[in-house]
C-alpha atoms as a PDB file:
ATOM      1  CA  MET A   1    -110.827  99.690  20.129  1.00  0.00           C
ATOM      2  CA  LEU A   2    -113.029  98.825  23.077  1.00  0.00           C
ATOM      3  CA  LEU A   3    -113.161  95.630  25.021  1.00  0.00           C
ATOM      4  CA  ALA A   4    -116.420  93.994  25.929  1.00  0.00           C
ATOM      5  CA  ALA A   5    -117.903  91.095  27.805  1.00  0.00           C
ATOM      6  CA  VAL A   6    -119.642  89.342  24.859  1.00  0.00           C
ATOM      7  CA  ALA A   7    -120.739  86.491  27.062  1.00  0.00           C
ATOM      8  CA  GLU A   8    -123.010  87.506  29.881  1.00  0.00           C
ATOM      9  CA  ARG A   9    -120.938  88.484  32.894  1.00  0.00           C
ATOM     10  CA  PRO A  10    -121.156  86.002  35.745  1.00  0.00           C
ATOM     11  CA  ARG A  11    -123.548  87.313  38.353  1.00  0.00           C
ATOM     12  CA  LYS A  12    -121.940  88.040  41.729  1.00  0.00           C
ATOM     13  CA  ILE A  13    -124.016  87.279  44.836  1.00  0.00           C
ATOM     14  CA  LEU A  14    -123.236  90.035  47.387  1.00  0.00           C
ATOM     15  CA  ALA A  15    -124.817  91.074  50.630  1.00  0.00           C
ATOM     16  CA  PHE A  16    -126.950  93.586  48.768  1.00  0.00           C
ATOM     17  CA  SER A  17    -128.683  92.738  45.495  1.00  0.00           C
ATOM     18  CA  PHE A  18    -129.445  96.014  43.772  1.00  0.00           C
ATOM     19  CA  THR A  19    -129.497  96.858  40.060  1.00  0.00           C
ATOM     20  CA  SER A  20    -126.457  98.723  38.908  1.00  0.00           C
ATOM     21  CA  VAL A  21    -126.340 101.861  36.779  1.00  0.00           C
ATOM     22  CA  ALA A  22    -124.240 104.744  35.346  1.00  0.00           C
ATOM     23  CA  CYS A  23    -121.209 105.936  33.391  1.00  0.00           C
ATOM     24  CA  LYS A  24    -119.654 106.649  30.024  1.00  0.00           C
ATOM     25  CA  VAL A  25    -117.017 104.331  28.658  1.00  0.00           C
ATOM     26  CA  ASN A  26    -113.846 105.264  26.795  1.00  0.00           C
ATOM     27  CA  GLN A  27    -111.300 102.523  25.999  1.00  0.00           C
ATOM     28  CA  ILE A  28    -112.612  99.809  28.278  1.00  0.00           C
ATOM     29  CA  PHE A  29    -114.536  96.555  28.628  1.00  0.00           C
ATOM     30  CA  VAL A  30    -118.285  96.964  28.387  1.00  0.00           C
ATOM     31  CA  GLN A  31    -120.980  94.543  29.407  1.00  0.00           C
ATOM     32  CA  THR A  32    -124.037  93.216  27.579  1.00  0.00           C
ATOM     33  CA  ASN A  33    -126.703  93.321  30.240  1.00  0.00           C
ATOM     34  CA  ASP A  34    -128.436  96.610  31.002  1.00  0.00           C
ATOM     35  CA  ASP A  35    -131.039  96.852  33.727  1.00  0.00           C
ATOM     36  CA  SER A  36    -131.666 100.269  35.210  1.00  0.00           C
ATOM     37  CA  VAL A  37    -133.703 101.561  38.145  1.00  0.00           C
ATOM     38  CA  MET A  38    -134.912 105.031  39.135  1.00  0.00           C
ATOM     39  CA  ALA A  39    -132.848 106.735  41.790  1.00  0.00           C
ATOM     40  CA  MET A  40    -134.121 107.253  45.321  1.00  0.00           C
ATOM     41  CA  PRO A  41    -134.397 110.876  46.443  1.00  0.00           C
ATOM     42  CA  GLU A  42    -131.766 111.962  48.903  1.00  0.00           C
ATOM     43  CA  VAL A  43    -132.861 112.027  52.545  1.00  0.00           C
ATOM     44  CA  SER A  44    -131.897 114.933  54.694  1.00  0.00           C
ATOM     45  CA  HIS A  45    -129.757 114.032  57.698  1.00  0.00           C
ATOM     46  CA  SER A  46    -131.943 116.364  59.791  1.00  0.00           C
ATOM     47  CA  THR A  47    -134.795 113.830  59.823  1.00  0.00           C
ATOM     48  CA  LEU A  48    -132.961 111.720  62.379  1.00  0.00           C
ATOM     49  CA  THR A  49    -133.275 112.729  66.048  1.00  0.00           C
ATOM     50  CA  THR A  50    -129.690 112.004  66.989  1.00  0.00           C
ATOM     51  CA  ASP A  51    -126.869 114.035  68.530  1.00  0.00           C
ATOM     52  CA  PRO A  52    -125.234 115.825  65.566  1.00  0.00           C
ATOM     53  CA  SER A  53    -121.845 115.463  67.265  1.00  0.00           C
ATOM     54  CA  GLU A  54    -121.993 111.670  66.906  1.00  0.00           C
ATOM     55  CA  PRO A  55    -120.675 110.174  63.610  1.00  0.00           C
ATOM     56  CA  GLU A  56    -123.389 108.427  61.640  1.00  0.00           C
ATOM     57  CA  ASP A  57    -121.357 105.204  61.411  1.00  0.00           C
ATOM     58  CA  GLU A  58    -120.999 105.128  65.226  1.00  0.00           C
ATOM     59  CA  ILE A  59    -124.740 105.664  65.583  1.00  0.00           C
ATOM     60  CA  PHE A  60    -125.441 102.944  63.024  1.00  0.00           C
ATOM     61  CA  LEU A  61    -123.259 100.358  64.806  1.00  0.00           C
ATOM     62  CA  GLU A  62    -124.061 101.178  68.428  1.00  0.00           C
ATOM     63  CA  GLY A  63    -127.070  98.850  68.635  1.00  0.00           C
ATOM     64  CA  PRO A  64    -130.903  98.941  68.259  1.00  0.00           C
ATOM     65  CA  ARG A  65    -132.584 102.323  67.924  1.00  0.00           C
ATOM     66  CA  SER A  66    -136.130 103.369  67.241  1.00  0.00           C
ATOM     67  CA  ARG A  67    -137.814 101.806  64.240  1.00  0.00           C
ATOM     68  CA  PHE A  68    -138.098 105.311  62.700  1.00  0.00           C
ATOM     69  CA  ALA A  69    -134.375 106.003  63.085  1.00  0.00           C
ATOM     70  CA  GLU A  70    -133.461 102.596  61.702  1.00  0.00           C
ATOM     71  CA  PHE A  71    -135.691 103.182  58.707  1.00  0.00           C
ATOM     72  CA  PHE A  72    -133.867 106.434  57.800  1.00  0.00           C
ATOM     73  CA  THR A  73    -130.553 104.728  58.232  1.00  0.00           C
ATOM     74  CA  LEU A  74    -131.737 102.168  55.716  1.00  0.00           C
ATOM     75  CA  LEU A  75    -132.593 104.993  53.251  1.00  0.00           C
ATOM     76  CA  ARG A  76    -129.106 106.394  53.691  1.00  0.00           C
ATOM     77  CA  VAL A  77    -127.584 103.058  52.909  1.00  0.00           C
ATOM     78  CA  MET A  78    -129.774 102.747  49.812  1.00  0.00           C
ATOM     79  CA  ARG A  79    -128.798 106.231  48.768  1.00  0.00           C
ATOM     80  CA  ASP A  80    -125.133 105.304  49.040  1.00  0.00           C
ATOM     81  CA  PHE A  81    -125.656 102.214  46.817  1.00  0.00           C
ATOM     82  CA  LEU A  82    -127.814 103.973  44.274  1.00  0.00           C
ATOM     83  CA  ARG A  83    -125.250 106.789  43.938  1.00  0.00           C
ATOM     84  CA  GLY A  84    -122.598 104.168  43.293  1.00  0.00           C
ATOM     85  CA  PHE A  85    -124.716 102.248  40.846  1.00  0.00           C
ATOM     86  CA  ARG A  86    -125.497 105.434  38.825  1.00  0.00           C
ATOM     87  CA  THR A  87    -121.859 106.422  38.655  1.00  0.00           C
ATOM     88  CA  LEU A  88    -120.245 103.080  37.927  1.00  0.00           C
ATOM     89  CA  HIS A  89    -122.729 101.229  35.721  1.00  0.00           C
ATOM     90  CA  PHE A  90    -121.008 102.180  32.460  1.00  0.00           C
ATOM     91  CA  VAL A  91    -117.366 101.971  33.566  1.00  0.00           C
ATOM     92  CA  GLY A  92    -117.121  98.471  32.119  1.00  0.00           C
ATOM     93  CA  PRO A  93    -115.363  95.480  33.650  1.00  0.00           C
ATOM     94  CA  CYS A  94    -112.652  96.653  36.015  1.00  0.00           C
ATOM     95  CA  VAL A  95    -109.559  95.544  37.852  1.00  0.00           C
ATOM     96  CA  THR A  96    -109.547  96.836  41.394  1.00  0.00           C
ATOM     97  CA  VAL A  97    -106.178  97.916  42.891  1.00  0.00           C
ATOM     98  CA  PHE A  98    -105.963  97.916  46.695  1.00  0.00           C
ATOM     99  CA  GLY A  99    -103.169  99.540  48.712  1.00  0.00           C
ATOM    100  CA  SER A 100    -102.044 102.117  51.202  1.00  0.00           C
ATOM    101  CA  ALA A 101    -102.838 105.859  51.006  1.00  0.00           C
ATOM    102  CA  ARG A 102     -99.614 106.568  52.913  1.00  0.00           C
ATOM    103  CA  ILE A 103     -97.067 105.572  50.327  1.00  0.00           C
ATOM    104  CA  ASN A 104     -95.094 108.504  48.871  1.00  0.00           C
ATOM    105  CA  ARG A 105     -94.292 109.059  45.198  1.00  0.00           C
ATOM    106  CA  ASP A 106     -90.628 108.205  45.741  1.00  0.00           C
ATOM    107  CA  ASP A 107     -91.471 104.778  47.168  1.00  0.00           C
ATOM    108  CA  PRO A 108     -90.571 101.891  44.780  1.00  0.00           C
ATOM    109  CA  HIS A 109     -94.057 100.423  45.287  1.00  0.00           C
ATOM    110  CA  TYR A 110     -95.561 103.611  43.962  1.00  0.00           C
ATOM    111  CA  GLU A 111     -93.715 103.220  40.669  1.00  0.00           C
ATOM    112  CA  LEU A 112     -94.553  99.475  40.537  1.00  0.00           C
ATOM    113  CA  THR A 113     -98.194 100.292  40.974  1.00  0.00           C
ATOM    114  CA  ARG A 114     -98.056 102.947  38.321  1.00  0.00           C
ATOM    115  CA  LYS A 115     -96.668 100.465  35.845  1.00  0.00           C
ATOM    116  CA  MET A 116     -99.210  97.919  36.808  1.00  0.00           C
ATOM    117  CA  GLY A 117    -102.068 100.451  36.369  1.00  0.00           C
ATOM    118  CA  ALA A 118    -100.808 101.257  32.904  1.00  0.00           C
ATOM    119  CA  ALA A 119    -100.543  97.531  32.011  1.00  0.00           C
ATOM    120  CA  ILE A 120    -104.075  96.848  33.257  1.00  0.00           C
ATOM    121  CA  ALA A 121    -105.404  99.750  31.092  1.00  0.00           C
ATOM    122  CA  ARG A 122    -103.520  98.467  28.032  1.00  0.00           C
ATOM    123  CA  LEU A 123    -105.109  95.061  28.616  1.00  0.00           C
ATOM    124  CA  GLY A 124    -108.448  96.787  28.177  1.00  0.00           C
ATOM    125  CA  PHE A 125    -109.779  96.975  31.730  1.00  0.00           C
ATOM    126  CA  THR A 126    -110.917  99.979  33.674  1.00  0.00           C
ATOM    127  CA  VAL A 127    -108.701 100.638  36.702  1.00  0.00           C
ATOM    128  CA  ILE A 128    -110.727 101.249  39.842  1.00  0.00           C
ATOM    129  CA  THR A 129    -109.334 102.215  43.274  1.00  0.00           C
ATOM    130  CA  GLY A 130    -110.399 103.880  46.433  1.00  0.00           C
ATOM    131  CA  GLY A 131    -109.620 107.132  44.699  1.00  0.00           C
ATOM    132  CA  GLY A 132    -107.202 108.477  47.344  1.00  0.00           C
ATOM    133  CA  PRO A 133    -103.452 109.226  47.383  1.00  0.00           C
ATOM    134  CA  GLY A 134    -100.561 106.793  47.592  1.00  0.00           C
ATOM    135  CA  ILE A 135    -101.032 103.432  45.936  1.00  0.00           C
ATOM    136  CA  MET A 136    -104.499 104.398  44.725  1.00  0.00           C
ATOM    137  CA  GLU A 137    -103.112 107.532  43.002  1.00  0.00           C
ATOM    138  CA  ALA A 138    -100.302 105.480  41.369  1.00  0.00           C
ATOM    139  CA  ALA A 139    -102.713 102.927  39.877  1.00  0.00           C
ATOM    140  CA  ASN A 140    -105.052 105.688  38.556  1.00  0.00           C
ATOM    141  CA  ARG A 141    -102.104 107.618  37.230  1.00  0.00           C
ATOM    142  CA  GLY A 142    -100.767 104.589  35.378  1.00  0.00           C
ATOM    143  CA  ALA A 143    -104.160 104.048  33.741  1.00  0.00           C
ATOM    144  CA  ARG A 144    -104.271 107.717  32.720  1.00  0.00           C
ATOM    145  CA  ASP A 145    -100.665 107.460  31.344  1.00  0.00           C
ATOM    146  CA  ALA A 146    -101.735 104.578  29.128  1.00  0.00           C
ATOM    147  CA  GLY A 147    -104.842 106.302  27.856  1.00  0.00           C
ATOM    148  CA  GLY A 148    -107.178 103.965  29.722  1.00  0.00           C
ATOM    149  CA  ARG A 149    -110.154 104.510  31.986  1.00  0.00           C
ATOM    150  CA  SER A 150    -109.444 105.517  35.608  1.00  0.00           C
ATOM    151  CA  VAL A 151    -112.180 105.417  38.233  1.00  0.00           C
ATOM    152  CA  GLY A 152    -112.269 106.068  42.023  1.00  0.00           C
ATOM    153  CA  CYS A 153    -114.607 105.140  44.808  1.00  0.00           C
ATOM    154  CA  THR A 154    -113.735 107.362  47.727  1.00  0.00           C
ATOM    155  CA  ILE A 155    -114.959 107.419  51.327  1.00  0.00           C
ATOM    156  CA  GLU A 156    -116.017 110.184  53.709  1.00  0.00           C
ATOM    157  CA  LEU A 157    -113.694 110.224  56.696  1.00  0.00           C
ATOM    158  CA  PRO A 158    -113.458 112.498  59.781  1.00  0.00           C
ATOM    159  CA  SER A 159    -110.025 113.507  58.590  1.00  0.00           C
ATOM    160  CA  GLU A 160    -110.618 114.345  54.911  1.00  0.00           C
ATOM    161  CA  GLN A 161    -108.713 112.082  52.519  1.00  0.00           C
ATOM    162  CA  PRO A 162    -107.874 113.980  49.316  1.00  0.00           C
ATOM    163  CA  THR A 163    -109.111 112.580  46.022  1.00  0.00           C
ATOM    164  CA  ASN A 164    -106.267 112.057  43.558  1.00  0.00           C
ATOM    165  CA  ALA A 165    -106.094 114.036  40.367  1.00  0.00           C
ATOM    166  CA  TYR A 166    -106.069 111.064  37.939  1.00  0.00           C
ATOM    167  CA  LEU A 167    -109.719 110.036  37.914  1.00  0.00           C
ATOM    168  CA  ASP A 168    -112.125 110.155  34.946  1.00  0.00           C
ATOM    169  CA  ARG A 169    -115.016 109.251  37.183  1.00  0.00           C
ATOM    170  CA  CYS A 170    -115.453 109.277  40.922  1.00  0.00           C
ATOM    171  CA  VAL A 171    -118.175 108.487  43.465  1.00  0.00           C
ATOM    172  CA  ARG A 172    -117.993 109.384  47.129  1.00  0.00           C
ATOM    173  CA  MET A 173    -119.471 106.890  49.632  1.00  0.00           C
ATOM    174  CA  HIS A 174    -120.431 107.313  53.223  1.00  0.00           C
ATOM    175  CA  TYR A 175    -120.454 103.731  54.439  1.00  0.00           C
ATOM    176  CA  PHE A 176    -117.335 101.550  54.217  1.00  0.00           C
ATOM    177  CA  PHE A 177    -119.296  98.345  53.486  1.00  0.00           C
ATOM    178  CA  ALA A 178    -121.071 100.000  50.565  1.00  0.00           C
ATOM    179  CA  ARG A 179    -117.727 101.173  49.172  1.00  0.00           C
ATOM    180  CA  LYS A 180    -116.219  97.684  49.521  1.00  0.00           C
ATOM    181  CA  THR A 181    -119.171  96.169  47.732  1.00  0.00           C
ATOM    182  CA  LEU A 182    -118.730  98.484  44.760  1.00  0.00           C
ATOM    183  CA  LEU A 183    -115.019  97.787  44.577  1.00  0.00           C
ATOM    184  CA  VAL A 184    -115.863  94.100  44.262  1.00  0.00           C
ATOM    185  CA  LYS A 185    -119.021  94.347  42.173  1.00  0.00           C
ATOM    186  CA  TYR A 186    -117.490  95.675  38.955  1.00  0.00           C
ATOM    187  CA  SER A 187    -114.179  93.790  39.030  1.00  0.00           C
ATOM    188  CA  TYR A 188    -112.848  90.775  37.246  1.00  0.00           C
ATOM    189  CA  ALA A 189    -109.499  90.805  39.108  1.00  0.00           C
ATOM    190  CA  PHE A 190    -107.975  92.276  42.270  1.00  0.00           C
ATOM    191  CA  VAL A 191    -104.408  93.536  42.625  1.00  0.00           C
ATOM    192  CA  VAL A 192    -103.188  93.930  46.178  1.00  0.00           C
ATOM    193  CA  MET A 193    -100.261  96.220  46.782  1.00  0.00           C
ATOM    194  CA  PRO A 194     -98.592  97.041  50.136  1.00  0.00           C
ATOM    195  CA  GLY A 195    -101.010  98.528  52.640  1.00  0.00           C
ATOM    196  CA  GLY A 196    -102.343  98.510  56.184  1.00  0.00           C
ATOM    197  CA  ALA A 197    -105.480  97.381  57.976  1.00  0.00           C
ATOM    198  CA  GLY A 198    -107.801  98.674  55.271  1.00  0.00           C
ATOM    199  CA  THR A 199    -105.908  96.794  52.551  1.00  0.00           C
ATOM    200  CA  LEU A 200    -105.976  93.600  54.629  1.00  0.00           C
ATOM    201  CA  ASP A 201    -109.704  94.024  55.048  1.00  0.00           C
ATOM    202  CA  GLU A 202    -110.213  94.443  51.297  1.00  0.00           C
ATOM    203  CA  LEU A 203    -107.908  91.470  50.456  1.00  0.00           C
ATOM    204  CA  PHE A 204    -109.702  89.062  52.831  1.00  0.00           C
ATOM    205  CA  GLU A 205    -113.096  90.380  51.832  1.00  0.00           C
ATOM    206  CA  ALA A 206    -112.435  89.445  48.169  1.00  0.00           C
ATOM    207  CA  LEU A 207    -110.735  86.188  49.161  1.00  0.00           C
ATOM    208  CA  THR A 208    -113.640  85.153  51.373  1.00  0.00           C
ATOM    209  CA  LEU A 209    -116.213  85.915  48.739  1.00  0.00           C
ATOM    210  CA  ILE A 210    -114.318  83.779  46.240  1.00  0.00           C
ATOM    211  CA  GLN A 211    -113.617  80.946  48.727  1.00  0.00           C
ATOM    212  CA  THR A 212    -117.253  80.722  49.742  1.00  0.00           C
ATOM    213  CA  GLY A 213    -118.564  80.886  46.161  1.00  0.00           C
ATOM    214  CA  LYS A 214    -120.324  84.236  46.607  1.00  0.00           C
ATOM    215  CA  ILE A 215    -118.464  85.503  43.559  1.00  0.00           C
ATOM    216  CA  LYS A 216    -116.703  83.709  40.758  1.00  0.00           C
ATOM    217  CA  ASN A 217    -113.047  82.647  40.907  1.00  0.00           C
ATOM    218  CA  PHE A 218    -111.623  86.002  39.907  1.00  0.00           C
ATOM    219  CA  PRO A 219    -107.853  86.266  40.168  1.00  0.00           C
ATOM    220  CA  ILE A 220    -106.199  87.914  43.192  1.00  0.00           C
ATOM    221  CA  VAL A 221    -102.663  89.130  42.540  1.00  0.00           C
ATOM    222  CA  ILE A 222    -100.470  90.139  45.452  1.00  0.00           C
ATOM    223  CA  MET A 223     -97.486  92.424  44.571  1.00  0.00           C
ATOM    224  CA  GLY A 224     -94.721  93.650  46.804  1.00  0.00           C
ATOM    225  CA  THR A 225     -93.840  90.154  47.956  1.00  0.00           C
ATOM    226  CA  ASP A 226     -91.066  91.219  50.288  1.00  0.00           C
ATOM    227  CA  TYR A 227     -93.652  93.308  52.199  1.00  0.00           C
ATOM    228  CA  TRP A 228     -96.258  90.529  52.171  1.00  0.00           C
ATOM    229  CA  LYS A 229     -93.938  87.542  52.849  1.00  0.00           C
ATOM    230  CA  GLU A 230     -95.029  87.004  56.431  1.00  0.00           C
ATOM    231  CA  LEU A 231     -98.707  87.229  55.435  1.00  0.00           C
ATOM    232  CA  LEU A 232     -98.188  84.703  52.642  1.00  0.00           C
ATOM    233  CA  HIS A 233     -96.396  82.380  55.027  1.00  0.00           C
ATOM    234  CA  PHE A 234     -99.223  82.723  57.533  1.00  0.00           C
ATOM    235  CA  ILE A 235    -101.795  81.837  54.810  1.00  0.00           C
ATOM    236  CA  GLU A 236     -99.723  78.712  54.066  1.00  0.00           C
ATOM    237  CA  THR A 237     -99.748  77.930  57.781  1.00  0.00           C
ATOM    238  CA  MET A 238    -103.545  78.208  57.837  1.00  0.00           C
ATOM    239  CA  ALA A 239    -103.681  75.577  55.107  1.00  0.00           C
ATOM    240  CA  GLN A 240    -101.234  73.356  56.926  1.00  0.00           C
ATOM    241  CA  ARG A 241    -103.296  73.511  60.105  1.00  0.00           C
ATOM    242  CA  GLY A 242    -106.505  72.743  58.198  1.00  0.00           C
ATOM    243  CA  MET A 243    -108.065  76.183  58.730  1.00  0.00           C
ATOM    244  CA  ILE A 244    -108.449  76.626  54.988  1.00  0.00           C
ATOM    245  CA  ALA A 245    -108.305  74.055  52.187  1.00  0.00           C
ATOM    246  CA  ALA A 246    -105.015  73.493  50.419  1.00  0.00           C
ATOM    247  CA  SER A 247    -106.761  74.387  47.196  1.00  0.00           C
ATOM    248  CA  ASP A 248    -107.465  77.885  48.592  1.00  0.00           C
ATOM    249  CA  LEU A 249    -103.803  78.689  48.209  1.00  0.00           C
ATOM    250  CA  LYS A 250    -104.352  78.677  44.457  1.00  0.00           C
ATOM    251  CA  LEU A 251    -106.749  81.630  44.850  1.00  0.00           C
ATOM    252  CA  ILE A 252    -103.738  83.948  45.440  1.00  0.00           C
ATOM    253  CA  TYR A 253    -100.953  84.643  42.938  1.00  0.00           C
ATOM    254  CA  ALA A 254     -97.926  86.466  44.295  1.00  0.00           C
ATOM    255  CA  THR A 255     -95.442  88.158  42.059  1.00  0.00           C
ATOM    256  CA  ASP A 256     -93.423  91.402  41.599  1.00  0.00           C
ATOM    257  CA  SER A 257     -93.423  91.116  37.834  1.00  0.00           C
ATOM    258  CA  VAL A 258     -95.914  93.260  35.948  1.00  0.00           C
ATOM    259  CA  ASP A 259     -95.688  90.917  32.931  1.00  0.00           C
ATOM    260  CA  GLU A 260     -96.401  87.903  35.091  1.00  0.00           C
ATOM    261  CA  ALA A 261     -99.322  89.572  36.802  1.00  0.00           C
ATOM    262  CA  ILE A 262    -100.852  90.636  33.509  1.00  0.00           C
ATOM    263  CA  ALA A 263    -100.472  87.188  32.053  1.00  0.00           C
ATOM    264  CA  HIS A 264    -102.204  85.734  35.102  1.00  0.00           C
ATOM    265  CA  ILE A 265    -105.093  88.179  34.799  1.00  0.00           C
ATOM    266  CA  ARG A 266    -105.398  87.462  31.042  1.00  0.00           C
ATOM    267  CA  ASN A 267    -105.521  83.722  31.672  1.00  0.00           C
ATOM    268  CA  LYS A 268    -107.844  83.817  34.673  1.00  0.00           C
ATOM    269  CA  ALA A 269    -110.125  86.705  33.829  1.00  0.00           C
ATOM    270  CA  ILE A 270    -110.302  87.500  30.114  1.00  0.00           C
ATOM    271  CA  GLU A 271    -110.300  84.067  28.625  1.00  0.00           C
ATOM    272  CA  PRO A 272    -112.516  82.179  31.115  1.00  0.00           C
ATOM    273  CA  PHE A 273    -115.233  84.874  31.094  1.00  0.00           C
ATOM    274  CA  GLY A 274    -115.317  85.485  27.355  1.00  0.00           C
ATOM    275  CA  LEU A 275    -114.205  89.120  27.291  1.00  0.00           C
ATOM    276  CA  LYS A 276    -113.702  90.419  23.730  1.00  0.00           C
ATOM    277  CA  ARG A 277    -112.672  93.623  22.062  1.00  0.00           C
ATOM    278  CA  VAL A 278    -115.496  95.619  20.501  1.00  0.00           C
ATOM    279  CA  MET A 279    -115.904  98.904  18.709  1.00  0.00           C
ATOM    280  CA  HIS A 280    -119.121 100.202  20.329  1.00  0.00           C
ATOM    281  CA  ARG A 281    -120.108 101.491  23.690  1.00  0.00           C
ATOM    282  CA  ARG A 282    -123.428 101.655  25.504  1.00  0.00           C
ATOM    283  CA  ARG A 283    -124.964 105.059  25.952  1.00  0.00           C
ATOM    284  CA  PRO A 284    -125.798 106.365  29.405  1.00  0.00           C
ATOM    285  CA  ILE A 285    -129.144 107.993  30.128  1.00  0.00           C
ATOM    286  CA  PRO A 286    -128.591 111.409  31.799  1.00  0.00           C
ATOM    287  CA  LEU A 287    -132.177 111.466  33.076  1.00  0.00           C
ATOM    288  CA  LEU A 288    -131.309 108.549  35.317  1.00  0.00           C
ATOM    289  CA  GLY A 289    -128.254 110.301  36.691  1.00  0.00           C
ATOM    290  CA  GLU A 290    -125.883 108.430  34.430  1.00  0.00           C
ATOM    291  CA  GLY A 291    -122.840 110.175  33.035  1.00  0.00           C
END
């Protein structure tokens, strides 16, 4: 049985407002709105008159360039988003799992994440991660174990990060900000496992979007509380010092219990947003690059 958003999904206001598209759905949530756009043609990197030894991201962030060069950078950004929209449009409502790529399979947090991924899939959501090893692999693996849908949104890095073997669908992004947007765009909840600077970036990106009303009040679950205890204390200190509102503390739910985390997601994501189980799925259009 499939799960679906019978009520129209709350619209998220992100930095980029494009129309989303693409993907087949197995045992997942599906959404009721369907607005597709034609894909932009890919633009060759050779059209830019830049030093090929310089990374594109460094060129992009180094300051003003010629209008022509900036225009082609814009096309590359659009290409990144369109590729993501094509691939992820039909994955259905997701839960995004953030965490470190450096955690080994014998780490207790790997097993905790695997169990959480399986529980999320059994709840009916698609599990989406950054598609890499470590925590990301564990979450995708758990979803696969439970017969659920497992999706990855990977990133091009100078030192190649391997894609894990437990993905049903995967899209590779060039720009970090485009990747982060996609990891937020399709999700009704966020699970934060132990991680480093990238995980902190993703956590506070989601938290800031919720705090400022750019997206709805989707639940954020932090797991691995012993690892995160100093951060949780610091967030409480921010509230005590008036840097955030006391009510903002309620945006984060910290637990090491899979059952408690799932109950929180059910209460804060499924019920408030009218998600229901259904028996049908929407059909992708291959001509539009949907799979």
